[in-house]
Amino acid sequence: MSKVSSEVAILVNGEKVHNYTMSNDAIGFSRLLGDLKTVHKPEIIFEATGVYSRRLQAFLEDNDYTYIRLSIP
């Protein structure tokens, strides 16, 4: 995750169904939301990257998704 973009991989039963670089803006979040809606009870995991991951975290919370935020030293 960076200021401009994030890497997205969505797996269903261990198989990648979506894999792309998402822009960290309204267009990127809209695409992500559409893709998440196609998955029943998605398990969302992302790396905490300070200020850059806060927008994703807020987006997920605003859309009632639970997630796991990893802090990698």
PDB file of N, CA and C in Angstrom:
ATOM      1  N   MET A   1       0.856  -1.165   0.000  1.00  0.00           N
ATOM      2  CA  MET A   1       0.000   0.000   0.000  1.00  0.00           C
ATOM      3  C   MET A   1       0.904   1.230   0.000  1.00  0.00           C
ATOM      4  N   SER A   2       0.613   2.133  -0.887  1.00  0.00           N
ATOM      5  CA  SER A   2       1.367   3.379  -0.945  1.00  0.00           C
ATOM      6  C   SER A   2       0.378   4.536  -1.015  1.00  0.00           C
ATOM      7  N   LYS A   3       0.901   5.730  -1.127  1.00  0.00           N
ATOM      8  CA  LYS A   3       0.044   6.912  -1.212  1.00  0.00           C
ATOM      9  C   LYS A   3      -0.887   6.849  -2.421  1.00  0.00           C
ATOM     10  N   VAL A   4      -0.398   6.331  -3.520  1.00  0.00           N
ATOM     11  CA  VAL A   4      -1.128   6.376  -4.783  1.00  0.00           C
ATOM     12  C   VAL A   4      -1.917   5.099  -5.075  1.00  0.00           C
ATOM     13  N   SER A   5      -1.386   3.943  -4.692  1.00  0.00           N
ATOM     14  CA  SER A   5      -2.038   2.693  -5.088  1.00  0.00           C
ATOM     15  C   SER A   5      -1.859   1.590  -4.055  1.00  0.00           C
ATOM     16  N   SER A   6      -2.657   0.545  -4.227  1.00  0.00           N
ATOM     17  CA  SER A   6      -2.591  -0.647  -3.377  1.00  0.00           C
ATOM     18  C   SER A   6      -2.719  -1.878  -4.260  1.00  0.00           C
ATOM     19  N   GLU A   7      -2.092  -2.960  -3.842  1.00  0.00           N
ATOM     20  CA  GLU A   7      -2.216  -4.231  -4.548  1.00  0.00           C
ATOM     21  C   GLU A   7      -3.401  -4.989  -3.965  1.00  0.00           C
ATOM     22  N   VAL A   8      -4.259  -5.486  -4.832  1.00  0.00           N
ATOM     23  CA  VAL A   8      -5.459  -6.215  -4.415  1.00  0.00           C
ATOM     24  C   VAL A   8      -5.393  -7.635  -4.969  1.00  0.00           C
ATOM     25  N   ALA A   9      -5.657  -8.596  -4.105  1.00  0.00           N
ATOM     26  CA  ALA A   9      -5.813  -9.991  -4.528  1.00  0.00           C
ATOM     27  C   ALA A   9      -7.036 -10.531  -3.805  1.00  0.00           C
ATOM     28  N   ILE A  10      -8.000 -11.020  -4.555  1.00  0.00           N
ATOM     29  CA  ILE A  10      -9.209 -11.600  -3.978  1.00  0.00           C
ATOM     30  C   ILE A  10      -9.230 -13.071  -4.362  1.00  0.00           C
ATOM     31  N   LEU A  11      -9.263 -13.917  -3.333  1.00  0.00           N
ATOM     32  CA  LEU A  11      -9.265 -15.355  -3.539  1.00  0.00           C
ATOM     33  C   LEU A  11     -10.590 -15.947  -3.076  1.00  0.00           C
ATOM     34  N   VAL A  12     -11.067 -16.926  -3.792  1.00  0.00           N
ATOM     35  CA  VAL A  12     -12.250 -17.691  -3.404  1.00  0.00           C
ATOM     36  C   VAL A  12     -11.830 -19.157  -3.409  1.00  0.00           C
ATOM     37  N   ASN A  13     -11.936 -19.792  -2.247  1.00  0.00           N
ATOM     38  CA  ASN A  13     -11.498 -21.190  -2.099  1.00  0.00           C
ATOM     39  C   ASN A  13     -10.059 -21.379  -2.569  1.00  0.00           C
ATOM     40  N   GLY A  14      -9.192 -20.404  -2.240  1.00  0.00           N
ATOM     41  CA  GLY A  14      -7.783 -20.489  -2.579  1.00  0.00           C
ATOM     42  C   GLY A  14      -7.433 -20.137  -4.010  1.00  0.00           C
ATOM     43  N   GLU A  15      -8.414 -19.786  -4.818  1.00  0.00           N
ATOM     44  CA  GLU A  15      -8.163 -19.446  -6.223  1.00  0.00           C
ATOM     45  C   GLU A  15      -8.364 -17.952  -6.444  1.00  0.00           C
ATOM     46  N   LYS A  16      -7.369 -17.307  -7.076  1.00  0.00           N
ATOM     47  CA  LYS A  16      -7.477 -15.872  -7.352  1.00  0.00           C
ATOM     48  C   LYS A  16      -8.582 -15.601  -8.353  1.00  0.00           C
ATOM     49  N   VAL A  17      -9.509 -14.726  -7.957  1.00  0.00           N
ATOM     50  CA  VAL A  17     -10.565 -14.321  -8.881  1.00  0.00           C
ATOM     51  C   VAL A  17     -10.386 -12.867  -9.316  1.00  0.00           C
ATOM     52  N   HIS A  18      -9.623 -12.106  -8.529  1.00  0.00           N
ATOM     53  CA  HIS A  18      -9.280 -10.724  -8.882  1.00  0.00           C
ATOM     54  C   HIS A  18      -7.852 -10.471  -8.416  1.00  0.00           C
ATOM     55  N   ASN A  19      -7.080  -9.782  -9.233  1.00  0.00           N
ATOM     56  CA  ASN A  19      -5.706  -9.434  -8.893  1.00  0.00           C
ATOM     57  C   ASN A  19      -5.346  -8.187  -9.685  1.00  0.00           C
ATOM     58  N   TYR A  20      -5.181  -7.043  -8.987  1.00  0.00           N
ATOM     59  CA  TYR A  20      -4.915  -5.798  -9.701  1.00  0.00           C
ATOM     60  C   TYR A  20      -4.316  -4.749  -8.769  1.00  0.00           C
ATOM     61  N   THR A  21      -3.817  -3.687  -9.372  1.00  0.00           N
ATOM     62  CA  THR A  21      -3.362  -2.520  -8.628  1.00  0.00           C
ATOM     63  C   THR A  21      -4.516  -1.537  -8.583  1.00  0.00           C
ATOM     64  N   MET A  22      -4.906  -1.165  -7.372  1.00  0.00           N
ATOM     65  CA  MET A  22      -6.045  -0.274  -7.160  1.00  0.00           C
ATOM     66  C   MET A  22      -5.547   1.135  -6.865  1.00  0.00           C
ATOM     67  N   SER A  23      -6.121   2.122  -7.506  1.00  0.00           N
ATOM     68  CA  SER A  23      -5.795   3.502  -7.158  1.00  0.00           C
ATOM     69  C   SER A  23      -6.486   3.831  -5.833  1.00  0.00           C
ATOM     70  N   ASN A  24      -5.803   4.562  -4.981  1.00  0.00           N
ATOM     71  CA  ASN A  24      -6.348   4.915  -3.666  1.00  0.00           C
ATOM     72  C   ASN A  24      -7.189   6.182  -3.763  1.00  0.00           C
ATOM     73  N   ASP A  25      -8.229   6.107  -4.571  1.00  0.00           N
ATOM     74  CA  ASP A  25      -9.146   7.232  -4.748  1.00  0.00           C
ATOM     75  C   ASP A  25     -10.562   6.683  -4.872  1.00  0.00           C
ATOM     76  N   ALA A  26     -11.520   7.545  -5.121  1.00  0.00           N
ATOM     77  CA  ALA A  26     -12.924   7.121  -5.191  1.00  0.00           C
ATOM     78  C   ALA A  26     -13.143   6.047  -6.252  1.00  0.00           C
ATOM     79  N   ILE A  27     -12.461   6.156  -7.379  1.00  0.00           N
ATOM     80  CA  ILE A  27     -12.617   5.168  -8.448  1.00  0.00           C
ATOM     81  C   ILE A  27     -12.096   3.806  -7.995  1.00  0.00           C
ATOM     82  N   GLY A  28     -10.929   3.795  -7.381  1.00  0.00           N
ATOM     83  CA  GLY A  28     -10.348   2.537  -6.899  1.00  0.00           C
ATOM     84  C   GLY A  28     -11.192   1.892  -5.815  1.00  0.00           C
ATOM     85  N   PHE A  29     -11.672   2.703  -4.866  1.00  0.00           N
ATOM     86  CA  PHE A  29     -12.493   2.157  -3.788  1.00  0.00           C
ATOM     87  C   PHE A  29     -13.837   1.660  -4.318  1.00  0.00           C
ATOM     88  N   SER A  30     -14.373   2.307  -5.325  1.00  0.00           N
ATOM     89  CA  SER A  30     -15.622   1.860  -5.936  1.00  0.00           C
ATOM     90  C   SER A  30     -15.435   0.491  -6.595  1.00  0.00           C
ATOM     91  N   ARG A  31     -14.327   0.324  -7.287  1.00  0.00           N
ATOM     92  CA  ARG A  31     -14.034  -0.972  -7.910  1.00  0.00           C
ATOM     93  C   ARG A  31     -13.882  -2.051  -6.847  1.00  0.00           C
ATOM     94  N   LEU A  32     -13.137  -1.737  -5.786  1.00  0.00           N
ATOM     95  CA  LEU A  32     -12.936  -2.701  -4.709  1.00  0.00           C
ATOM     96  C   LEU A  32     -14.270  -3.096  -4.084  1.00  0.00           C
ATOM     97  N   LEU A  33     -15.125  -2.122  -3.833  1.00  0.00           N
ATOM     98  CA  LEU A  33     -16.431  -2.406  -3.242  1.00  0.00           C
ATOM     99  C   LEU A  33     -17.237  -3.348  -4.136  1.00  0.00           C
ATOM    100  N   GLY A  34     -17.233  -3.079  -5.423  1.00  0.00           N
ATOM    101  CA  GLY A  34     -17.942  -3.954  -6.352  1.00  0.00           C
ATOM    102  C   GLY A  34     -17.406  -5.375  -6.317  1.00  0.00           C
ATOM    103  N   ASP A  35     -16.085  -5.511  -6.246  1.00  0.00           N
ATOM    104  CA  ASP A  35     -15.481  -6.842  -6.200  1.00  0.00           C
ATOM    105  C   ASP A  35     -15.762  -7.538  -4.872  1.00  0.00           C
ATOM    106  N   LEU A  36     -15.722  -6.797  -3.770  1.00  0.00           N
ATOM    107  CA  LEU A  36     -16.003  -7.400  -2.462  1.00  0.00           C
ATOM    108  C   LEU A  36     -17.441  -7.897  -2.377  1.00  0.00           C
ATOM    109  N   LYS A  37     -18.347  -7.208  -3.019  1.00  0.00           N
ATOM    110  CA  LYS A  37     -19.759  -7.610  -2.983  1.00  0.00           C
ATOM    111  C   LYS A  37     -20.007  -8.935  -3.698  1.00  0.00           C
ATOM    112  N   THR A  38     -19.067  -9.368  -4.526  1.00  0.00           N
ATOM    113  CA  THR A  38     -19.237 -10.645  -5.230  1.00  0.00           C
ATOM    114  C   THR A  38     -18.792 -11.834  -4.385  1.00  0.00           C
ATOM    115  N   VAL A  39     -18.212 -11.559  -3.214  1.00  0.00           N
ATOM    116  CA  VAL A  39     -17.679 -12.618  -2.354  1.00  0.00           C
ATOM    117  C   VAL A  39     -18.522 -12.715  -1.085  1.00  0.00           C
ATOM    118  N   HIS A  40     -18.963 -13.918  -0.746  1.00  0.00           N
ATOM    119  CA  HIS A  40     -19.747 -14.146   0.467  1.00  0.00           C
ATOM    120  C   HIS A  40     -18.816 -14.120   1.681  1.00  0.00           C
ATOM    121  N   LYS A  41     -19.082 -13.236   2.618  1.00  0.00           N
ATOM    122  CA  LYS A  41     -18.299 -13.091   3.853  1.00  0.00           C
ATOM    123  C   LYS A  41     -16.793 -12.996   3.575  1.00  0.00           C
ATOM    124  N   PRO A  42     -16.349 -11.945   2.909  1.00  0.00           N
ATOM    125  CA  PRO A  42     -14.917 -11.832   2.605  1.00  0.00           C
ATOM    126  C   PRO A  42     -14.078 -11.671   3.871  1.00  0.00           C
ATOM    127  N   GLU A  43     -12.916 -12.283   3.870  1.00  0.00           N
ATOM    128  CA  GLU A  43     -11.926 -12.098   4.927  1.00  0.00           C
ATOM    129  C   GLU A  43     -10.895 -11.131   4.368  1.00  0.00           C
ATOM    130  N   ILE A  44     -10.820  -9.949   4.954  1.00  0.00           N
ATOM    131  CA  ILE A  44      -9.988  -8.877   4.415  1.00  0.00           C
ATOM    132  C   ILE A  44      -8.772  -8.701   5.310  1.00  0.00           C
ATOM    133  N   ILE A  45      -7.603  -8.741   4.699  1.00  0.00           N
ATOM    134  CA  ILE A  45      -6.344  -8.589   5.422  1.00  0.00           C
ATOM    135  C   ILE A  45      -5.509  -7.565   4.672  1.00  0.00           C
ATOM    136  N   PHE A  46      -4.946  -6.596   5.418  1.00  0.00           N
ATOM    137  CA  PHE A  46      -4.049  -5.635   4.785  1.00  0.00           C
ATOM    138  C   PHE A  46      -2.963  -5.213   5.760  1.00  0.00           C
ATOM    139  N   GLU A  47      -1.885  -4.704   5.198  1.00  0.00           N
ATOM    140  CA  GLU A  47      -0.756  -4.250   5.997  1.00  0.00           C
ATOM    141  C   GLU A  47      -0.989  -2.817   6.453  1.00  0.00           C
ATOM    142  N   ALA A  48      -0.758  -2.580   7.744  1.00  0.00           N
ATOM    143  CA  ALA A  48      -0.840  -1.227   8.279  1.00  0.00           C
ATOM    144  C   ALA A  48       0.380  -0.451   7.796  1.00  0.00           C
ATOM    145  N   THR A  49       0.135   0.624   7.066  1.00  0.00           N
ATOM    146  CA  THR A  49       1.234   1.436   6.536  1.00  0.00           C
ATOM    147  C   THR A  49       1.069   2.893   6.962  1.00  0.00           C
ATOM    148  N   GLY A  50       0.642   3.085   8.200  1.00  0.00           N
ATOM    149  CA  GLY A  50       0.478   4.445   8.710  1.00  0.00           C
ATOM    150  C   GLY A  50      -0.654   5.172   8.023  1.00  0.00           C
ATOM    151  N   VAL A  51      -0.379   6.397   7.610  1.00  0.00           N
ATOM    152  CA  VAL A  51      -1.431   7.237   7.036  1.00  0.00           C
ATOM    153  C   VAL A  51      -2.005   6.655   5.748  1.00  0.00           C
ATOM    154  N   TYR A  52      -1.217   5.885   5.002  1.00  0.00           N
ATOM    155  CA  TYR A  52      -1.695   5.358   3.722  1.00  0.00           C
ATOM    156  C   TYR A  52      -2.795   4.313   3.902  1.00  0.00           C
ATOM    157  N   SER A  53      -2.714   3.506   4.940  1.00  0.00           N
ATOM    158  CA  SER A  53      -3.723   2.462   5.138  1.00  0.00           C
ATOM    159  C   SER A  53      -4.972   2.981   5.841  1.00  0.00           C
ATOM    160  N   ARG A  54      -4.925   4.160   6.398  1.00  0.00           N
ATOM    161  CA  ARG A  54      -6.093   4.700   7.114  1.00  0.00           C
ATOM    162  C   ARG A  54      -7.287   4.939   6.197  1.00  0.00           C
ATOM    163  N   ARG A  55      -7.047   5.329   4.965  1.00  0.00           N
ATOM    164  CA  ARG A  55      -8.165   5.532   4.024  1.00  0.00           C
ATOM    165  C   ARG A  55      -8.872   4.215   3.735  1.00  0.00           C
ATOM    166  N   LEU A  56      -8.095   3.142   3.551  1.00  0.00           N
ATOM    167  CA  LEU A  56      -8.697   1.828   3.324  1.00  0.00           C
ATOM    168  C   LEU A  56      -9.467   1.384   4.563  1.00  0.00           C
ATOM    169  N   GLN A  57      -8.881   1.569   5.714  1.00  0.00           N
ATOM    170  CA  GLN A  57      -9.539   1.195   6.963  1.00  0.00           C
ATOM    171  C   GLN A  57     -10.867   1.938   7.117  1.00  0.00           C
ATOM    172  N   ALA A  58     -10.875   3.230   6.882  1.00  0.00           N
ATOM    173  CA  ALA A  58     -12.106   4.024   6.985  1.00  0.00           C
ATOM    174  C   ALA A  58     -13.137   3.559   5.958  1.00  0.00           C
ATOM    175  N   PHE A  59     -12.689   3.278   4.746  1.00  0.00           N
ATOM    176  CA  PHE A  59     -13.584   2.788   3.695  1.00  0.00           C
ATOM    177  C   PHE A  59     -14.245   1.480   4.113  1.00  0.00           C
ATOM    178  N   LEU A  60     -13.458   0.551   4.634  1.00  0.00           N
ATOM    179  CA  LEU A  60     -14.003  -0.740   5.057  1.00  0.00           C
ATOM    180  C   LEU A  60     -14.999  -0.572   6.198  1.00  0.00           C
ATOM    181  N   GLU A  61     -14.665   0.270   7.161  1.00  0.00           N
ATOM    182  CA  GLU A  61     -15.570   0.511   8.286  1.00  0.00           C
ATOM    183  C   GLU A  61     -16.856   1.187   7.820  1.00  0.00           C
ATOM    184  N   ASP A  62     -16.742   2.153   6.928  1.00  0.00           N
ATOM    185  CA  ASP A  62     -17.928   2.852   6.403  1.00  0.00           C
ATOM    186  C   ASP A  62     -18.867   1.906   5.660  1.00  0.00           C
ATOM    187  N   ASN A  63     -18.302   0.833   5.099  1.00  0.00           N
ATOM    188  CA  ASN A  63     -19.100  -0.130   4.343  1.00  0.00           C
ATOM    189  C   ASN A  63     -19.362  -1.422   5.131  1.00  0.00           C
ATOM    190  N   ASP A  64     -19.136  -1.356   6.440  1.00  0.00           N
ATOM    191  CA  ASP A  64     -19.444  -2.461   7.365  1.00  0.00           C
ATOM    192  C   ASP A  64     -18.699  -3.761   7.067  1.00  0.00           C
ATOM    193  N   TYR A  65     -17.449  -3.646   6.634  1.00  0.00           N
ATOM    194  CA  TYR A  65     -16.615  -4.828   6.445  1.00  0.00           C
ATOM    195  C   TYR A  65     -15.677  -4.970   7.634  1.00  0.00           C
ATOM    196  N   THR A  66     -15.516  -6.199   8.116  1.00  0.00           N
ATOM    197  CA  THR A  66     -14.517  -6.462   9.141  1.00  0.00           C
ATOM    198  C   THR A  66     -13.204  -6.787   8.435  1.00  0.00           C
ATOM    199  N   TYR A  67     -12.101  -6.616   9.138  1.00  0.00           N
ATOM    200  CA  TYR A  67     -10.795  -6.803   8.518  1.00  0.00           C
ATOM    201  C   TYR A  67      -9.760  -7.144   9.576  1.00  0.00           C
ATOM    202  N   ILE A  68      -8.620  -7.604   9.105  1.00  0.00           N
ATOM    203  CA  ILE A  68      -7.441  -7.813   9.936  1.00  0.00           C
ATOM    204  C   ILE A  68      -6.369  -6.887   9.392  1.00  0.00           C
ATOM    205  N   ARG A  69      -5.811  -6.070  10.276  1.00  0.00           N
ATOM    206  CA  ARG A  69      -4.741  -5.139   9.891  1.00  0.00           C
ATOM    207  C   ARG A  69      -3.439  -5.670  10.474  1.00  0.00           C
ATOM    208  N   LEU A  70      -2.489  -5.985   9.606  1.00  0.00           N
ATOM    209  CA  LEU A  70      -1.203  -6.520  10.038  1.00  0.00           C
ATOM    210  C   LEU A  70      -0.197  -5.402  10.236  1.00  0.00           C
ATOM    211  N   SER A  71       0.555  -5.495  11.325  1.00  0.00           N
ATOM    212  CA  SER A  71       1.673  -4.585  11.550  1.00  0.00           C
ATOM    213  C   SER A  71       2.946  -5.392  11.397  1.00  0.00           C
ATOM    214  N   ILE A  72       3.663  -5.136  10.334  1.00  0.00           N
ATOM    215  CA  ILE A  72       4.894  -5.872  10.060  1.00  0.00           C
ATOM    216  C   ILE A  72       6.070  -4.975  10.423  1.00  0.00           C
ATOM    217  N   PRO A  73       6.893  -5.431  11.382  1.00  0.00           N
ATOM    218  CA  PRO A  73       8.019  -4.578  11.821  1.00  0.00           C
ATOM    219  C   PRO A  73       9.078  -4.392  10.755  1.00  0.00           C
TER     220      PRO A  73
END
